[in-house]
Amino acid sequence: MKLLLDFNLSPKLVAMLSDIFPESAHVFTIGMLGETPDPVIWEYAKQHGYSVLSADSDFVELASRRGAPPKLVYLAKMAYRTREAAELIRRNAVRMAEFDRSDDAVLILRR
């Protein structure tokens, strides 16, 4: 699974998860600025084979309207440190792999 991390997540997560999601990127590293609208991020992810990883509930609505691809991994109630987010994602790596092979559009992860 190749993840595109949204603005609301630390770019440090890319390196922290590189052993299990090696092709992932942060929106900053692909040249998007903070004011890039969610639909633009969504289309970029779709065109480049990414799944979106975000803590922004607006992406849940976008995924509901547009469907997959791309898929969305949503970190619900993400009011915790980057290291905790990395641990949550690692604990759910198998679940994320299963989700990637499924027809579902959204996977919600909670602490």
C-alpha atoms as a PDB file:
ATOM      1  CA  MET A   1       0.000   0.000   0.000  1.00  0.00           C
ATOM      2  CA  LYS A   2       1.374   3.345  -1.070  1.00  0.00           C
ATOM      3  CA  LEU A   3       0.206   6.165   1.218  1.00  0.00           C
ATOM      4  CA  LEU A   4      -0.096   9.887   0.529  1.00  0.00           C
ATOM      5  CA  LEU A   5      -0.112  11.678   3.881  1.00  0.00           C
ATOM      6  CA  ASP A   6      -2.281  14.751   4.230  1.00  0.00           C
ATOM      7  CA  PHE A   7      -1.171  18.122   5.642  1.00  0.00           C
ATOM      8  CA  ASN A   8      -2.592  17.413   9.083  1.00  0.00           C
ATOM      9  CA  LEU A   9      -0.073  14.606   9.627  1.00  0.00           C
ATOM     10  CA  SER A  10       3.607  15.078  10.258  1.00  0.00           C
ATOM     11  CA  PRO A  11       5.965  14.524   7.322  1.00  0.00           C
ATOM     12  CA  LYS A  12       8.099  12.559   9.832  1.00  0.00           C
ATOM     13  CA  LEU A  13       5.575   9.715   9.570  1.00  0.00           C
ATOM     14  CA  VAL A  14       6.834   8.877   6.075  1.00  0.00           C
ATOM     15  CA  ALA A  15      10.288   7.975   7.426  1.00  0.00           C
ATOM     16  CA  MET A  16       8.847   6.328  10.540  1.00  0.00           C
ATOM     17  CA  LEU A  17       6.757   3.971   8.384  1.00  0.00           C
ATOM     18  CA  SER A  18       9.137   3.524   5.456  1.00  0.00           C
ATOM     19  CA  ASP A  19       9.909  -0.094   6.329  1.00  0.00           C
ATOM     20  CA  ILE A  20       6.269  -1.159   5.930  1.00  0.00           C
ATOM     21  CA  PHE A  21       5.024   1.511   3.479  1.00  0.00           C
ATOM     22  CA  PRO A  22       8.188   2.279   1.472  1.00  0.00           C
ATOM     23  CA  GLU A  23       6.585   4.113  -1.462  1.00  0.00           C
ATOM     24  CA  SER A  24       4.675   6.588   0.674  1.00  0.00           C
ATOM     25  CA  ALA A  25       4.976  10.359   0.492  1.00  0.00           C
ATOM     26  CA  HIS A  26       3.752  13.476   2.244  1.00  0.00           C
ATOM     27  CA  VAL A  27       1.864  16.135   0.292  1.00  0.00           C
ATOM     28  CA  PHE A  28       4.665  18.628   1.092  1.00  0.00           C
ATOM     29  CA  THR A  29       7.283  16.415  -0.566  1.00  0.00           C
ATOM     30  CA  ILE A  30       5.335  16.270  -3.821  1.00  0.00           C
ATOM     31  CA  GLY A  31       5.101  20.053  -3.941  1.00  0.00           C
ATOM     32  CA  MET A  32       1.640  20.735  -2.577  1.00  0.00           C
ATOM     33  CA  LEU A  33       1.203  23.747  -0.340  1.00  0.00           C
ATOM     34  CA  GLY A  34      -0.987  24.090   2.745  1.00  0.00           C
ATOM     35  CA  GLU A  35      -3.822  25.688   0.805  1.00  0.00           C
ATOM     36  CA  THR A  36      -4.155  22.809  -1.684  1.00  0.00           C
ATOM     37  CA  PRO A  37      -7.842  21.797  -1.718  1.00  0.00           C
ATOM     38  CA  ASP A  38      -8.743  18.252  -0.655  1.00  0.00           C
ATOM     39  CA  PRO A  39     -10.205  17.352  -4.097  1.00  0.00           C
ATOM     40  CA  VAL A  40      -6.841  18.191  -5.714  1.00  0.00           C
ATOM     41  CA  ILE A  41      -5.044  15.902  -3.245  1.00  0.00           C
ATOM     42  CA  TRP A  42      -7.673  13.220  -3.905  1.00  0.00           C
ATOM     43  CA  GLU A  43      -7.162  13.390  -7.682  1.00  0.00           C
ATOM     44  CA  TYR A  44      -3.366  13.344  -7.342  1.00  0.00           C
ATOM     45  CA  ALA A  45      -3.602  10.225  -5.175  1.00  0.00           C
ATOM     46  CA  LYS A  46      -5.932   8.597  -7.681  1.00  0.00           C
ATOM     47  CA  GLN A  47      -3.694   9.366 -10.667  1.00  0.00           C
ATOM     48  CA  HIS A  48      -0.513   8.177  -8.941  1.00  0.00           C
ATOM     49  CA  GLY A  49      -1.766   5.019  -7.211  1.00  0.00           C
ATOM     50  CA  TYR A  50      -1.760   6.298  -3.625  1.00  0.00           C
ATOM     51  CA  SER A  51      -4.205   5.728  -0.800  1.00  0.00           C
ATOM     52  CA  VAL A  52      -4.818   8.873   1.233  1.00  0.00           C
ATOM     53  CA  LEU A  53      -3.879   8.847   4.931  1.00  0.00           C
ATOM     54  CA  SER A  54      -5.545  11.697   6.786  1.00  0.00           C
ATOM     55  CA  ALA A  55      -7.019  12.848  10.061  1.00  0.00           C
ATOM     56  CA  ASP A  56      -9.295  15.298   8.221  1.00  0.00           C
ATOM     57  CA  SER A  57     -12.941  14.238   8.346  1.00  0.00           C
ATOM     58  CA  ASP A  58     -13.576  16.139   5.094  1.00  0.00           C
ATOM     59  CA  PHE A  59     -11.837  13.276   3.304  1.00  0.00           C
ATOM     60  CA  VAL A  60     -14.422  10.828   4.679  1.00  0.00           C
ATOM     61  CA  GLU A  61     -17.150  12.860   2.996  1.00  0.00           C
ATOM     62  CA  LEU A  62     -15.104  13.091  -0.194  1.00  0.00           C
ATOM     63  CA  ALA A  63     -14.568   9.314  -0.213  1.00  0.00           C
ATOM     64  CA  SER A  64     -18.289   8.755   0.346  1.00  0.00           C
ATOM     65  CA  ARG A  65     -19.165  10.965  -2.612  1.00  0.00           C
ATOM     66  CA  ARG A  66     -16.468   9.850  -5.057  1.00  0.00           C
ATOM     67  CA  GLY A  67     -15.694   6.300  -3.958  1.00  0.00           C
ATOM     68  CA  ALA A  68     -12.417   4.519  -4.577  1.00  0.00           C
ATOM     69  CA  PRO A  69      -9.885   4.893  -5.993  1.00  0.00           C
ATOM     70  CA  PRO A  70      -8.137   6.257  -4.129  1.00  0.00           C
ATOM     71  CA  LYS A  71      -8.817   4.590  -0.842  1.00  0.00           C
ATOM     72  CA  LEU A  72      -8.816   6.520   2.422  1.00  0.00           C
ATOM     73  CA  VAL A  73      -7.267   5.519   5.729  1.00  0.00           C
ATOM     74  CA  TYR A  74      -8.769   7.921   8.238  1.00  0.00           C
ATOM     75  CA  LEU A  75      -7.209   8.454  11.664  1.00  0.00           C
ATOM     76  CA  ALA A  76     -10.242   9.325  13.757  1.00  0.00           C
ATOM     77  CA  LYS A  77      -9.890  11.751  16.657  1.00  0.00           C
ATOM     78  CA  MET A  78      -6.181  12.173  15.937  1.00  0.00           C
ATOM     79  CA  ALA A  79      -5.241  14.351  18.915  1.00  0.00           C
ATOM     80  CA  TYR A  80      -2.037  12.558  19.794  1.00  0.00           C
ATOM     81  CA  ARG A  81       1.659  12.637  19.011  1.00  0.00           C
ATOM     82  CA  THR A  82       3.283  11.549  15.784  1.00  0.00           C
ATOM     83  CA  ARG A  83       4.928   8.553  17.454  1.00  0.00           C
ATOM     84  CA  GLU A  84       1.512   7.371  18.708  1.00  0.00           C
ATOM     85  CA  ALA A  85       0.079   7.768  15.202  1.00  0.00           C
ATOM     86  CA  ALA A  86       2.945   5.654  13.819  1.00  0.00           C
ATOM     87  CA  GLU A  87       2.265   2.971  16.436  1.00  0.00           C
ATOM     88  CA  LEU A  88      -1.452   2.960  15.593  1.00  0.00           C
ATOM     89  CA  ILE A  89      -0.677   2.534  11.900  1.00  0.00           C
ATOM     90  CA  ARG A  90       1.862  -0.225  12.610  1.00  0.00           C
ATOM     91  CA  ARG A  91      -0.624  -2.104  14.811  1.00  0.00           C
ATOM     92  CA  ASN A  92      -3.098  -1.973  11.934  1.00  0.00           C
ATOM     93  CA  ALA A  93      -0.718  -2.784   9.062  1.00  0.00           C
ATOM     94  CA  VAL A  94      -2.287  -6.189   8.395  1.00  0.00           C
ATOM     95  CA  ARG A  95      -5.754  -4.663   8.519  1.00  0.00           C
ATOM     96  CA  MET A  96      -4.598  -1.981   6.082  1.00  0.00           C
ATOM     97  CA  ALA A  97      -3.227  -4.622   3.693  1.00  0.00           C
ATOM     98  CA  GLU A  98      -6.565  -6.462   3.781  1.00  0.00           C
ATOM     99  CA  PHE A  99      -8.378  -3.167   3.220  1.00  0.00           C
ATOM    100  CA  ASP A 100      -6.137  -2.434   0.237  1.00  0.00           C
ATOM    101  CA  ARG A 101      -7.319  -5.679  -1.402  1.00  0.00           C
ATOM    102  CA  SER A 102     -10.980  -5.049  -0.559  1.00  0.00           C
ATOM    103  CA  ASP A 103     -13.673  -3.083  -2.395  1.00  0.00           C
ATOM    104  CA  ASP A 104     -14.109  -0.741   0.579  1.00  0.00           C
ATOM    105  CA  ALA A 105     -13.280   2.943   0.129  1.00  0.00           C
ATOM    106  CA  VAL A 106     -12.637   3.971   3.755  1.00  0.00           C
ATOM    107  CA  LEU A 107     -10.802   2.394   6.674  1.00  0.00           C
ATOM    108  CA  ILE A 108     -11.189   4.152  10.005  1.00  0.00           C
ATOM    109  CA  LEU A 109      -8.446   3.685  12.599  1.00  0.00           C
ATOM    110  CA  ARG A 110      -8.974   4.678  16.212  1.00  0.00           C
ATOM    111  CA  ARG A 111      -6.631   4.661  19.139  1.00  0.00           C
END
